């Protein structure tokens, strides 16, 4: 199962890029320290319900747009678990692990939803 906070963080980051807004703008709008917004964008801090509403207002979108399921990039997943990877061999091994875990989850989903 994918990490919900990381998925939301990725959606928020994407919206910042699309709308050409800055993290500091979001922090000011939310009246939160920039460090807190950095944690949110790293998927390391849960959002409160009122924060979801405020972020949706900031982007002029629906809360559902912030919570839509999108694949988490391996780059973000590696950062979430371990920090930066410096050796290509290690990155290749982790990418293989992520692919295998995706296959496992998909197979488990299919098994759980058999009629």
PDB file of N, CA and C in Angstrom:
ATOM      1  N   UNK A   1       0.842  -1.176   0.000  1.00  0.00           N
ATOM      2  CA  UNK A   1       0.000   0.000   0.000  1.00  0.00           C
ATOM      3  C   UNK A   1       0.887   1.238   0.000  1.00  0.00           C
ATOM      4  N   UNK A   2       0.517   2.198  -0.778  1.00  0.00           N
ATOM      5  CA  UNK A   2       1.314   3.401  -0.886  1.00  0.00           C
ATOM      6  C   UNK A   2       1.118   4.293   0.333  1.00  0.00           C
ATOM      7  N   UNK A   3       2.116   5.108   0.627  1.00  0.00           N
ATOM      8  CA  UNK A   3       2.061   6.021   1.744  1.00  0.00           C
ATOM      9  C   UNK A   3       1.190   7.219   1.378  1.00  0.00           C
ATOM     10  N   UNK A   4       0.095   7.407   2.089  1.00  0.00           N
ATOM     11  CA  UNK A   4      -0.866   8.463   1.791  1.00  0.00           C
ATOM     12  C   UNK A   4      -0.229   9.850   1.895  1.00  0.00           C
ATOM     13  N   UNK A   5       0.528  10.088   2.972  1.00  0.00           N
ATOM     14  CA  UNK A   5       1.148  11.406   3.161  1.00  0.00           C
ATOM     15  C   UNK A   5       2.118  11.736   2.035  1.00  0.00           C
ATOM     16  N   UNK A   6       2.854  10.746   1.585  1.00  0.00           N
ATOM     17  CA  UNK A   6       3.802  10.969   0.495  1.00  0.00           C
ATOM     18  C   UNK A   6       3.067  11.226  -0.819  1.00  0.00           C
ATOM     19  N   UNK A   7       1.966  10.531  -1.030  1.00  0.00           N
ATOM     20  CA  UNK A   7       1.162  10.738  -2.231  1.00  0.00           C
ATOM     21  C   UNK A   7       0.581  12.155  -2.248  1.00  0.00           C
ATOM     22  N   UNK A   8       0.047  12.611  -1.115  1.00  0.00           N
ATOM     23  CA  UNK A   8      -0.486  13.976  -1.010  1.00  0.00           C
ATOM     24  C   UNK A   8       0.628  14.981  -1.231  1.00  0.00           C
ATOM     25  N   UNK A   9       1.785  14.723  -0.643  1.00  0.00           N
ATOM     26  CA  UNK A   9       2.932  15.625  -0.811  1.00  0.00           C
ATOM     27  C   UNK A   9       3.309  15.758  -2.280  1.00  0.00           C
ATOM     28  N   UNK A  10       3.295  14.653  -2.981  1.00  0.00           N
ATOM     29  CA  UNK A  10       3.637  14.670  -4.405  1.00  0.00           C
ATOM     30  C   UNK A  10       2.599  15.482  -5.187  1.00  0.00           C
ATOM     31  N   UNK A  11       1.318  15.331  -4.846  1.00  0.00           N
ATOM     32  CA  UNK A  11       0.267  16.102  -5.514  1.00  0.00           C
ATOM     33  C   UNK A  11       0.429  17.597  -5.254  1.00  0.00           C
ATOM     34  N   UNK A  12       0.750  17.956  -4.013  1.00  0.00           N
ATOM     35  CA  UNK A  12       0.938  19.372  -3.672  1.00  0.00           C
ATOM     36  C   UNK A  12       2.149  19.931  -4.420  1.00  0.00           C
ATOM     37  N   UNK A  13       3.232  19.180  -4.444  1.00  0.00           N
ATOM     38  CA  UNK A  13       4.433  19.626  -5.165  1.00  0.00           C
ATOM     39  C   UNK A  13       4.139  19.840  -6.644  1.00  0.00           C
ATOM     40  N   UNK A  14       3.371  18.926  -7.221  1.00  0.00           N
ATOM     41  CA  UNK A  14       3.010  19.045  -8.628  1.00  0.00           C
ATOM     42  C   UNK A  14       2.177  20.316  -8.867  1.00  0.00           C
ATOM     43  N   UNK A  15       1.250  20.585  -7.968  1.00  0.00           N
ATOM     44  CA  UNK A  15       0.420  21.774  -8.124  1.00  0.00           C
ATOM     45  C   UNK A  15       1.244  23.053  -7.949  1.00  0.00           C
ATOM     46  N   UNK A  16       2.209  23.027  -7.047  1.00  0.00           N
ATOM     47  CA  UNK A  16       3.101  24.181  -6.900  1.00  0.00           C
ATOM     48  C   UNK A  16       3.824  24.454  -8.217  1.00  0.00           C
ATOM     49  N   UNK A  17       4.317  23.391  -8.830  1.00  0.00           N
ATOM     50  CA  UNK A  17       5.031  23.544 -10.102  1.00  0.00           C
ATOM     51  C   UNK A  17       4.115  24.037 -11.206  1.00  0.00           C
ATOM     52  N   UNK A  18       2.942  23.434 -11.324  1.00  0.00           N
ATOM     53  CA  UNK A  18       2.011  23.805 -12.391  1.00  0.00           C
ATOM     54  C   UNK A  18       1.578  25.269 -12.263  1.00  0.00           C
ATOM     55  N   UNK A  19       1.272  25.666 -11.032  1.00  0.00           N
ATOM     56  CA  UNK A  19       0.778  27.028 -10.815  1.00  0.00           C
ATOM     57  C   UNK A  19       1.902  28.035 -10.575  1.00  0.00           C
ATOM     58  N   UNK A  20       3.137  27.544 -10.674  1.00  0.00           N
ATOM     59  CA  UNK A  20       4.321  28.385 -10.501  1.00  0.00           C
ATOM     60  C   UNK A  20       4.280  29.177  -9.195  1.00  0.00           C
ATOM     61  N   UNK A  21       3.960  28.449  -8.127  1.00  0.00           N
ATOM     62  CA  UNK A  21       3.932  29.028  -6.789  1.00  0.00           C
ATOM     63  C   UNK A  21       5.095  28.448  -5.989  1.00  0.00           C
ATOM     64  N   UNK A  22       5.430  29.119  -4.910  1.00  0.00           N
ATOM     65  CA  UNK A  22       6.568  28.702  -4.098  1.00  0.00           C
ATOM     66  C   UNK A  22       6.105  28.108  -2.772  1.00  0.00           C
ATOM     67  N   UNK A  23       6.979  27.291  -2.186  1.00  0.00           N
ATOM     68  CA  UNK A  23       6.705  26.733  -0.867  1.00  0.00           C
ATOM     69  C   UNK A  23       6.495  27.848   0.148  1.00  0.00           C
ATOM     70  N   UNK A  24       7.273  28.898   0.017  1.00  0.00           N
ATOM     71  CA  UNK A  24       7.150  30.012   0.962  1.00  0.00           C
ATOM     72  C   UNK A  24       5.780  30.679   0.849  1.00  0.00           C
ATOM     73  N   UNK A  25       5.216  30.738  -0.370  1.00  0.00           N
ATOM     74  CA  UNK A  25       3.868  31.287  -0.548  1.00  0.00           C
ATOM     75  C   UNK A  25       2.841  30.426   0.183  1.00  0.00           C
ATOM     76  N   UNK A  26       2.994  29.120   0.053  1.00  0.00           N
ATOM     77  CA  UNK A  26       2.082  28.199   0.724  1.00  0.00           C
ATOM     78  C   UNK A  26       2.223  28.321   2.243  1.00  0.00           C
ATOM     79  N   UNK A  27       3.442  28.430   2.721  1.00  0.00           N
ATOM     80  CA  UNK A  27       3.682  28.572   4.163  1.00  0.00           C
ATOM     81  C   UNK A  27       3.020  29.839   4.706  1.00  0.00           C
ATOM     82  N   UNK A  28       3.170  30.936   3.988  1.00  0.00           N
ATOM     83  CA  UNK A  28       2.544  32.196   4.423  1.00  0.00           C
ATOM     84  C   UNK A  28       1.031  32.067   4.435  1.00  0.00           C
ATOM     85  N   UNK A  29       0.472  31.458   3.389  1.00  0.00           N
ATOM     86  CA  UNK A  29      -0.977  31.305   3.288  1.00  0.00           C
ATOM     87  C   UNK A  29      -1.513  30.451   4.443  1.00  0.00           C
ATOM     88  N   UNK A  30      -0.790  29.386   4.781  1.00  0.00           N
ATOM     89  CA  UNK A  30      -1.215  28.479   5.846  1.00  0.00           C
ATOM     90  C   UNK A  30      -0.853  28.998   7.234  1.00  0.00           C
ATOM     91  N   UNK A  31      -0.032  30.052   7.264  1.00  0.00           N
ATOM     92  CA  UNK A  31       0.464  30.604   8.538  1.00  0.00           C
ATOM     93  C   UNK A  31       1.218  29.534   9.324  1.00  0.00           C
ATOM     94  N   UNK A  32       2.069  28.817   8.583  1.00  0.00           N
ATOM     95  CA  UNK A  32       2.914  27.779   9.161  1.00  0.00           C
ATOM     96  C   UNK A  32       4.368  28.118   8.876  1.00  0.00           C
ATOM     97  N   UNK A  33       5.281  27.669   9.731  1.00  0.00           N
ATOM     98  CA  UNK A  33       6.702  27.855   9.422  1.00  0.00           C
ATOM     99  C   UNK A  33       7.068  27.109   8.141  1.00  0.00           C
ATOM    100  N   UNK A  34       8.029  27.631   7.440  1.00  0.00           N
ATOM    101  CA  UNK A  34       8.460  27.000   6.184  1.00  0.00           C
ATOM    102  C   UNK A  34       8.969  25.573   6.419  1.00  0.00           C
ATOM    103  N   UNK A  35       9.600  25.352   7.581  1.00  0.00           N
ATOM    104  CA  UNK A  35      10.094  24.015   7.909  1.00  0.00           C
ATOM    105  C   UNK A  35       8.938  23.011   7.984  1.00  0.00           C
ATOM    106  N   UNK A  36       7.794  23.453   8.478  1.00  0.00           N
ATOM    107  CA  UNK A  36       6.626  22.573   8.564  1.00  0.00           C
ATOM    108  C   UNK A  36       6.127  22.224   7.168  1.00  0.00           C
ATOM    109  N   UNK A  37       6.108  23.226   6.281  1.00  0.00           N
ATOM    110  CA  UNK A  37       5.689  22.969   4.899  1.00  0.00           C
ATOM    111  C   UNK A  37       6.679  22.021   4.227  1.00  0.00           C
ATOM    112  N   UNK A  38       7.964  22.161   4.526  1.00  0.00           N
ATOM    113  CA  UNK A  38       8.968  21.234   3.983  1.00  0.00           C
ATOM    114  C   UNK A  38       8.673  19.807   4.430  1.00  0.00           C
ATOM    115  N   UNK A  39       8.286  19.626   5.689  1.00  0.00           N
ATOM    116  CA  UNK A  39       7.940  18.286   6.187  1.00  0.00           C
ATOM    117  C   UNK A  39       6.706  17.749   5.473  1.00  0.00           C
ATOM    118  N   UNK A  40       5.728  18.621   5.241  1.00  0.00           N
ATOM    119  CA  UNK A  40       4.516  18.206   4.522  1.00  0.00           C
ATOM    120  C   UNK A  40       4.885  17.738   3.121  1.00  0.00           C
ATOM    121  N   UNK A  41       5.741  18.518   2.445  1.00  0.00           N
ATOM    122  CA  UNK A  41       6.119  18.202   1.068  1.00  0.00           C
ATOM    123  C   UNK A  41       7.057  16.998   0.975  1.00  0.00           C
ATOM    124  N   UNK A  42       7.625  16.606   2.099  1.00  0.00           N
ATOM    125  CA  UNK A  42       8.448  15.398   2.134  1.00  0.00           C
ATOM    126  C   UNK A  42       7.616  14.181   2.540  1.00  0.00           C
ATOM    127  N   UNK A  43       6.325  14.408   2.847  1.00  0.00           N
ATOM    128  CA  UNK A  43       5.465  13.309   3.271  1.00  0.00           C
ATOM    129  C   UNK A  43       5.734  12.852   4.683  1.00  0.00           C
ATOM    130  N   UNK A  44       6.348  13.722   5.483  1.00  0.00           N
ATOM    131  CA  UNK A  44       6.742  13.345   6.840  1.00  0.00           C
ATOM    132  C   UNK A  44       5.868  13.985   7.915  1.00  0.00           C
ATOM    133  N   UNK A  45       4.792  14.641   7.483  1.00  0.00           N
ATOM    134  CA  UNK A  45       3.874  15.249   8.445  1.00  0.00           C
ATOM    135  C   UNK A  45       2.448  15.081   7.948  1.00  0.00           C
ATOM    136  N   UNK A  46       1.597  14.607   8.833  1.00  0.00           N
ATOM    137  CA  UNK A  46       0.178  14.459   8.506  1.00  0.00           C
ATOM    138  C   UNK A  46      -0.474  15.830   8.409  1.00  0.00           C
ATOM    139  N   UNK A  47      -1.421  15.942   7.500  1.00  0.00           N
ATOM    140  CA  UNK A  47      -2.198  17.173   7.386  1.00  0.00           C
ATOM    141  C   UNK A  47      -3.476  17.047   8.202  1.00  0.00           C
ATOM    142  N   UNK A  48      -3.861  18.139   8.834  1.00  0.00           N
ATOM    143  CA  UNK A  48      -5.142  18.205   9.524  1.00  0.00           C
ATOM    144  C   UNK A  48      -6.234  18.519   8.504  1.00  0.00           C
ATOM    145  N   UNK A  49      -7.475  18.224   8.844  1.00  0.00           N
ATOM    146  CA  UNK A  49      -8.591  18.447   7.913  1.00  0.00           C
ATOM    147  C   UNK A  49      -8.660  19.909   7.480  1.00  0.00           C
ATOM    148  N   UNK A  50      -8.485  20.831   8.423  1.00  0.00           N
ATOM    149  CA  UNK A  50      -8.555  22.254   8.061  1.00  0.00           C
ATOM    150  C   UNK A  50      -7.386  22.665   7.168  1.00  0.00           C
ATOM    151  N   UNK A  51      -6.251  21.979   7.284  1.00  0.00           N
ATOM    152  CA  UNK A  51      -5.114  22.282   6.419  1.00  0.00           C
ATOM    153  C   UNK A  51      -5.383  21.808   4.989  1.00  0.00           C
ATOM    154  N   UNK A  52      -6.041  20.652   4.861  1.00  0.00           N
ATOM    155  CA  UNK A  52      -6.442  20.201   3.522  1.00  0.00           C
ATOM    156  C   UNK A  52      -7.326  21.257   2.864  1.00  0.00           C
ATOM    157  N   UNK A  53      -8.304  21.760   3.619  1.00  0.00           N
ATOM    158  CA  UNK A  53      -9.225  22.769   3.083  1.00  0.00           C
ATOM    159  C   UNK A  53      -8.474  24.038   2.697  1.00  0.00           C
ATOM    160  N   UNK A  54      -7.539  24.465   3.519  1.00  0.00           N
ATOM    161  CA  UNK A  54      -6.774  25.683   3.233  1.00  0.00           C
ATOM    162  C   UNK A  54      -5.870  25.511   2.014  1.00  0.00           C
ATOM    163  N   UNK A  55      -5.250  24.342   1.896  1.00  0.00           N
ATOM    164  CA  UNK A  55      -4.376  24.094   0.738  1.00  0.00           C
ATOM    165  C   UNK A  55      -5.211  24.053  -0.539  1.00  0.00           C
ATOM    166  N   UNK A  56      -6.388  23.437  -0.472  1.00  0.00           N
ATOM    167  CA  UNK A  56      -7.280  23.419  -1.633  1.00  0.00           C
ATOM    168  C   UNK A  56      -7.678  24.842  -2.006  1.00  0.00           C
ATOM    169  N   UNK A  57      -7.929  25.679  -1.011  1.00  0.00           N
ATOM    170  CA  UNK A  57      -8.256  27.083  -1.276  1.00  0.00           C
ATOM    171  C   UNK A  57      -7.064  27.798  -1.917  1.00  0.00           C
ATOM    172  N   UNK A  58      -5.861  27.533  -1.426  1.00  0.00           N
ATOM    173  CA  UNK A  58      -4.645  28.147  -1.964  1.00  0.00           C
ATOM    174  C   UNK A  58      -4.487  27.842  -3.451  1.00  0.00           C
ATOM    175  N   UNK A  59      -4.777  26.600  -3.830  1.00  0.00           N
ATOM    176  CA  UNK A  59      -4.627  26.190  -5.223  1.00  0.00           C
ATOM    177  C   UNK A  59      -5.911  26.378  -6.038  1.00  0.00           C
ATOM    178  N   UNK A  60      -6.990  26.793  -5.363  1.00  0.00           N
ATOM    179  CA  UNK A  60      -8.287  26.936  -6.015  1.00  0.00           C
ATOM    180  C   UNK A  60      -8.703  25.614  -6.666  1.00  0.00           C
ATOM    181  N   UNK A  61      -8.654  24.554  -5.851  1.00  0.00           N
ATOM    182  CA  UNK A  61      -8.995  23.221  -6.330  1.00  0.00           C
ATOM    183  C   UNK A  61      -9.848  22.520  -5.279  1.00  0.00           C
ATOM    184  N   UNK A  62     -10.220  21.293  -5.559  1.00  0.00           N
ATOM    185  CA  UNK A  62     -10.971  20.472  -4.610  1.00  0.00           C
ATOM    186  C   UNK A  62      -9.993  19.688  -3.735  1.00  0.00           C
ATOM    187  N   UNK A  63     -10.436  19.339  -2.552  1.00  0.00           N
ATOM    188  CA  UNK A  63      -9.610  18.507  -1.670  1.00  0.00           C
ATOM    189  C   UNK A  63      -9.288  17.186  -2.361  1.00  0.00           C
ATOM    190  N   UNK A  64     -10.215  16.685  -3.147  1.00  0.00           N
ATOM    191  CA  UNK A  64     -10.004  15.421  -3.859  1.00  0.00           C
ATOM    192  C   UNK A  64      -8.798  15.504  -4.795  1.00  0.00           C
ATOM    193  N   UNK A  65      -8.523  16.708  -5.318  1.00  0.00           N
ATOM    194  CA  UNK A  65      -7.355  16.871  -6.183  1.00  0.00           C
ATOM    195  C   UNK A  65      -6.056  16.674  -5.414  1.00  0.00           C
ATOM    196  N   UNK A  66      -6.085  16.971  -4.130  1.00  0.00           N
ATOM    197  CA  UNK A  66      -4.893  16.807  -3.293  1.00  0.00           C
ATOM    198  C   UNK A  66      -4.701  15.353  -2.876  1.00  0.00           C
ATOM    199  N   UNK A  67      -5.801  14.614  -2.850  1.00  0.00           N
ATOM    200  CA  UNK A  67      -5.734  13.235  -2.346  1.00  0.00           C
ATOM    201  C   UNK A  67      -5.855  12.186  -3.442  1.00  0.00           C
ATOM    202  N   UNK A  68      -5.835  12.636  -4.702  1.00  0.00           N
ATOM    203  CA  UNK A  68      -5.979  11.665  -5.790  1.00  0.00           C
ATOM    204  C   UNK A  68      -4.794  10.709  -5.784  1.00  0.00           C
ATOM    205  N   UNK A  69      -5.092   9.492  -6.146  1.00  0.00           N
ATOM    206  CA  UNK A  69      -4.054   8.466  -6.140  1.00  0.00           C
ATOM    207  C   UNK A  69      -3.171   8.637  -7.367  1.00  0.00           C
ATOM    208  N   UNK A  70      -1.919   8.850  -7.118  1.00  0.00           N
ATOM    209  CA  UNK A  70      -0.926   8.939  -8.178  1.00  0.00           C
ATOM    210  C   UNK A  70       0.237   8.050  -7.792  1.00  0.00           C
ATOM    211  N   UNK A  71       0.889   7.473  -8.774  1.00  0.00           N
ATOM    212  CA  UNK A  71       2.043   6.645  -8.428  1.00  0.00           C
ATOM    213  C   UNK A  71       3.130   7.503  -7.777  1.00  0.00           C
ATOM    214  N   UNK A  72       3.696   7.001  -6.721  1.00  0.00           N
ATOM    215  CA  UNK A  72       4.789   7.715  -6.061  1.00  0.00           C
ATOM    216  C   UNK A  72       6.062   7.399  -6.813  1.00  0.00           C
ATOM    217  N   UNK A  73       6.780   8.436  -7.189  1.00  0.00           N
ATOM    218  CA  UNK A  73       8.010   8.206  -7.944  1.00  0.00           C
ATOM    219  C   UNK A  73       9.037   7.523  -7.054  1.00  0.00           C
ATOM    220  N   UNK A  74       9.866   6.707  -7.672  1.00  0.00           N
ATOM    221  CA  UNK A  74      10.909   6.022  -6.911  1.00  0.00           C
ATOM    222  C   UNK A  74      11.834   7.016  -6.229  1.00  0.00           C
ATOM    223  N   UNK A  75      12.052   8.161  -6.871  1.00  0.00           N
ATOM    224  CA  UNK A  75      12.918   9.187  -6.284  1.00  0.00           C
ATOM    225  C   UNK A  75      12.360   9.636  -4.939  1.00  0.00           C
ATOM    226  N   UNK A  76      11.040   9.905  -4.886  1.00  0.00           N
ATOM    227  CA  UNK A  76      10.432  10.317  -3.630  1.00  0.00           C
ATOM    228  C   UNK A  76      10.400   9.178  -2.626  1.00  0.00           C
ATOM    229  N   UNK A  77      10.171   7.956  -3.093  1.00  0.00           N
ATOM    230  CA  UNK A  77      10.115   6.819  -2.190  1.00  0.00           C
ATOM    231  C   UNK A  77      11.478   6.590  -1.546  1.00  0.00           C
ATOM    232  N   UNK A  78      12.536   6.681  -2.307  1.00  0.00           N
ATOM    233  CA  UNK A  78      13.880   6.498  -1.762  1.00  0.00           C
ATOM    234  C   UNK A  78      14.165   7.583  -0.746  1.00  0.00           C
ATOM    235  N   UNK A  79      13.810   8.819  -1.059  1.00  0.00           N
ATOM    236  CA  UNK A  79      14.036   9.915  -0.123  1.00  0.00           C
ATOM    237  C   UNK A  79      13.248   9.690   1.158  1.00  0.00           C
ATOM    238  N   UNK A  80      12.043   9.150   1.028  1.00  0.00           N
ATOM    239  CA  UNK A  80      11.201   8.918   2.188  1.00  0.00           C
ATOM    240  C   UNK A  80      11.825   7.878   3.111  1.00  0.00           C
ATOM    241  N   UNK A  81      12.370   6.815   2.543  1.00  0.00           N
ATOM    242  CA  UNK A  81      12.894   5.733   3.346  1.00  0.00           C
ATOM    243  C   UNK A  81      14.329   5.935   3.811  1.00  0.00           C
ATOM    244  N   UNK A  82      15.189   6.438   2.928  1.00  0.00           N
ATOM    245  CA  UNK A  82      16.611   6.370   3.220  1.00  0.00           C
ATOM    246  C   UNK A  82      17.369   7.664   3.038  1.00  0.00           C
ATOM    247  N   UNK A  83      16.831   8.626   2.393  1.00  0.00           N
ATOM    248  CA  UNK A  83      17.607   9.797   2.042  1.00  0.00           C
ATOM    249  C   UNK A  83      18.192   9.600   0.661  1.00  0.00           C
ATOM    250  N   UNK A  84      19.206  10.333   0.355  1.00  0.00           N
ATOM    251  CA  UNK A  84      19.765  10.306  -0.991  1.00  0.00           C
ATOM    252  C   UNK A  84      20.622   9.070  -1.216  1.00  0.00           C
ATOM    253  N   UNK A  85      20.513   8.497  -2.408  1.00  0.00           N
ATOM    254  CA  UNK A  85      21.295   7.326  -2.793  1.00  0.00           C
ATOM    255  C   UNK A  85      22.461   7.798  -3.651  1.00  0.00           C
ATOM    256  N   UNK A  86      23.660   7.389  -3.292  1.00  0.00           N
ATOM    257  CA  UNK A  86      24.820   7.887  -4.028  1.00  0.00           C
ATOM    258  C   UNK A  86      25.403   6.863  -5.001  1.00  0.00           C
ATOM    259  N   UNK A  87      25.164   5.576  -4.779  1.00  0.00           N
ATOM    260  CA  UNK A  87      25.739   4.557  -5.658  1.00  0.00           C
ATOM    261  C   UNK A  87      24.686   4.072  -6.649  1.00  0.00           C
ATOM    262  N   UNK A  88      25.023   4.047  -7.948  1.00  0.00           N
ATOM    263  CA  UNK A  88      24.064   3.564  -8.959  1.00  0.00           C
ATOM    264  C   UNK A  88      23.618   2.133  -8.714  1.00  0.00           C
ATOM    265  N   UNK A  89      24.515   1.286  -8.196  1.00  0.00           N
ATOM    266  CA  UNK A  89      24.162  -0.108  -7.944  1.00  0.00           C
ATOM    267  C   UNK A  89      23.054  -0.190  -6.901  1.00  0.00           C
ATOM    268  N   UNK A  90      23.169   0.612  -5.868  1.00  0.00           N
ATOM    269  CA  UNK A  90      22.162   0.622  -4.817  1.00  0.00           C
ATOM    270  C   UNK A  90      20.834   1.107  -5.357  1.00  0.00           C
ATOM    271  N   UNK A  91      20.874   2.139  -6.162  1.00  0.00           N
ATOM    272  CA  UNK A  91      19.643   2.671  -6.752  1.00  0.00           C
ATOM    273  C   UNK A  91      18.973   1.622  -7.640  1.00  0.00           C
ATOM    274  N   UNK A  92      19.770   0.875  -8.416  1.00  0.00           N
ATOM    275  CA  UNK A  92      19.215  -0.183  -9.271  1.00  0.00           C
ATOM    276  C   UNK A  92      18.551  -1.278  -8.446  1.00  0.00           C
ATOM    277  N   UNK A  93      19.183  -1.670  -7.362  1.00  0.00           N
ATOM    278  CA  UNK A  93      18.613  -2.698  -6.493  1.00  0.00           C
ATOM    279  C   UNK A  93      17.293  -2.201  -5.902  1.00  0.00           C
ATOM    280  N   UNK A  94      17.275  -0.969  -5.429  1.00  0.00           N
ATOM    281  CA  UNK A  94      16.042  -0.426  -4.859  1.00  0.00           C
ATOM    282  C   UNK A  94      14.934  -0.320  -5.902  1.00  0.00           C
ATOM    283  N   UNK A  95      15.284   0.085  -7.114  1.00  0.00           N
ATOM    284  CA  UNK A  95      14.280   0.138  -8.181  1.00  0.00           C
ATOM    285  C   UNK A  95      13.688  -1.238  -8.453  1.00  0.00           C
ATOM    286  N   UNK A  96      14.526  -2.261  -8.432  1.00  0.00           N
ATOM    287  CA  UNK A  96      14.031  -3.634  -8.617  1.00  0.00           C
ATOM    288  C   UNK A  96      13.109  -4.042  -7.471  1.00  0.00           C
ATOM    289  N   UNK A  97      13.463  -3.661  -6.267  1.00  0.00           N
ATOM    290  CA  UNK A  97      12.631  -3.968  -5.106  1.00  0.00           C
ATOM    291  C   UNK A  97      11.272  -3.290  -5.241  1.00  0.00           C
ATOM    292  N   UNK A  98      11.274  -2.020  -5.659  1.00  0.00           N
ATOM    293  CA  UNK A  98      10.012  -1.294  -5.826  1.00  0.00           C
ATOM    294  C   UNK A  98       9.142  -1.948  -6.891  1.00  0.00           C
ATOM    295  N   UNK A  99       9.749  -2.369  -7.987  1.00  0.00           N
ATOM    296  CA  UNK A  99       8.987  -3.030  -9.050  1.00  0.00           C
ATOM    297  C   UNK A  99       8.391  -4.347  -8.552  1.00  0.00           C
ATOM    298  N   UNK A 100       9.185  -5.116  -7.828  1.00  0.00           N
ATOM    299  CA  UNK A 100       8.685  -6.380  -7.286  1.00  0.00           C
ATOM    300  C   UNK A 100       7.571  -6.152  -6.266  1.00  0.00           C
ATOM    301  N   UNK A 101       7.725  -5.147  -5.431  1.00  0.00           N
ATOM    302  CA  UNK A 101       6.680  -4.879  -4.439  1.00  0.00           C
ATOM    303  C   UNK A 101       5.392  -4.416  -5.119  1.00  0.00           C
ATOM    304  N   UNK A 102       5.504  -3.647  -6.205  1.00  0.00           N
ATOM    305  CA  UNK A 102       4.318  -3.249  -6.961  1.00  0.00           C
ATOM    306  C   UNK A 102       3.618  -4.465  -7.547  1.00  0.00           C
ATOM    307  N   UNK A 103       4.391  -5.406  -8.087  1.00  0.00           N
ATOM    308  CA  UNK A 103       3.814  -6.633  -8.633  1.00  0.00           C
ATOM    309  C   UNK A 103       3.120  -7.446  -7.545  1.00  0.00           C
ATOM    310  N   UNK A 104       3.756  -7.523  -6.386  1.00  0.00           N
ATOM    311  CA  UNK A 104       3.171  -8.261  -5.265  1.00  0.00           C
ATOM    312  C   UNK A 104       1.845  -7.635  -4.837  1.00  0.00           C
ATOM    313  N   UNK A 105       1.830  -6.320  -4.697  1.00  0.00           N
ATOM    314  CA  UNK A 105       0.607  -5.628  -4.283  1.00  0.00           C
ATOM    315  C   UNK A 105      -0.491  -5.821  -5.312  1.00  0.00           C
ATOM    316  N   UNK A 106      -0.147  -5.720  -6.585  1.00  0.00           N
ATOM    317  CA  UNK A 106      -1.131  -5.922  -7.651  1.00  0.00           C
ATOM    318  C   UNK A 106      -1.691  -7.340  -7.606  1.00  0.00           C
ATOM    319  N   UNK A 107      -0.821  -8.328  -7.424  1.00  0.00           N
ATOM    320  CA  UNK A 107      -1.271  -9.717  -7.347  1.00  0.00           C
ATOM    321  C   UNK A 107      -2.156  -9.928  -6.122  1.00  0.00           C
ATOM    322  N   UNK A 108      -1.792  -9.343  -5.015  1.00  0.00           N
ATOM    323  CA  UNK A 108      -2.594  -9.467  -3.799  1.00  0.00           C
ATOM    324  C   UNK A 108      -3.973  -8.838  -4.006  1.00  0.00           C
ATOM    325  N   UNK A 109      -4.013  -7.704  -4.665  1.00  0.00           N
ATOM    326  CA  UNK A 109      -5.287  -7.043  -4.979  1.00  0.00           C
ATOM    327  C   UNK A 109      -6.158  -7.946  -5.846  1.00  0.00           C
ATOM    328  N   UNK A 110      -5.547  -8.546  -6.875  1.00  0.00           N
ATOM    329  CA  UNK A 110      -6.301  -9.445  -7.745  1.00  0.00           C
ATOM    330  C   UNK A 110      -6.832 -10.658  -6.980  1.00  0.00           C
ATOM    331  N   UNK A 111      -6.004 -11.210  -6.112  1.00  0.00           N
ATOM    332  CA  UNK A 111      -6.427 -12.359  -5.305  1.00  0.00           C
ATOM    333  C   UNK A 111      -7.564 -11.978  -4.365  1.00  0.00           C
ATOM    334  N   UNK A 112      -7.490 -10.816  -3.773  1.00  0.00           N
ATOM    335  CA  UNK A 112      -8.511 -10.369  -2.822  1.00  0.00           C
ATOM    336  C   UNK A 112      -9.836 -10.056  -3.512  1.00  0.00           C
ATOM    337  N   UNK A 113      -9.797  -9.747  -4.798  1.00  0.00           N
ATOM    338  CA  UNK A 113     -11.008  -9.333  -5.502  1.00  0.00           C
ATOM    339  C   UNK A 113     -11.533 -10.384  -6.476  1.00  0.00           C
ATOM    340  N   UNK A 114     -11.113 -11.629  -6.295  1.00  0.00           N
ATOM    341  CA  UNK A 114     -11.646 -12.714  -7.127  1.00  0.00           C
ATOM    342  C   UNK A 114     -13.090 -12.945  -6.727  1.00  0.00           C
ATOM    343  N   UNK A 115     -13.873 -13.299  -7.707  1.00  0.00           N
ATOM    344  CA  UNK A 115     -15.295 -13.582  -7.398  1.00  0.00           C
ATOM    345  C   UNK A 115     -15.527 -15.052  -7.214  1.00  0.00           C
TER     346      UNK A 115
END
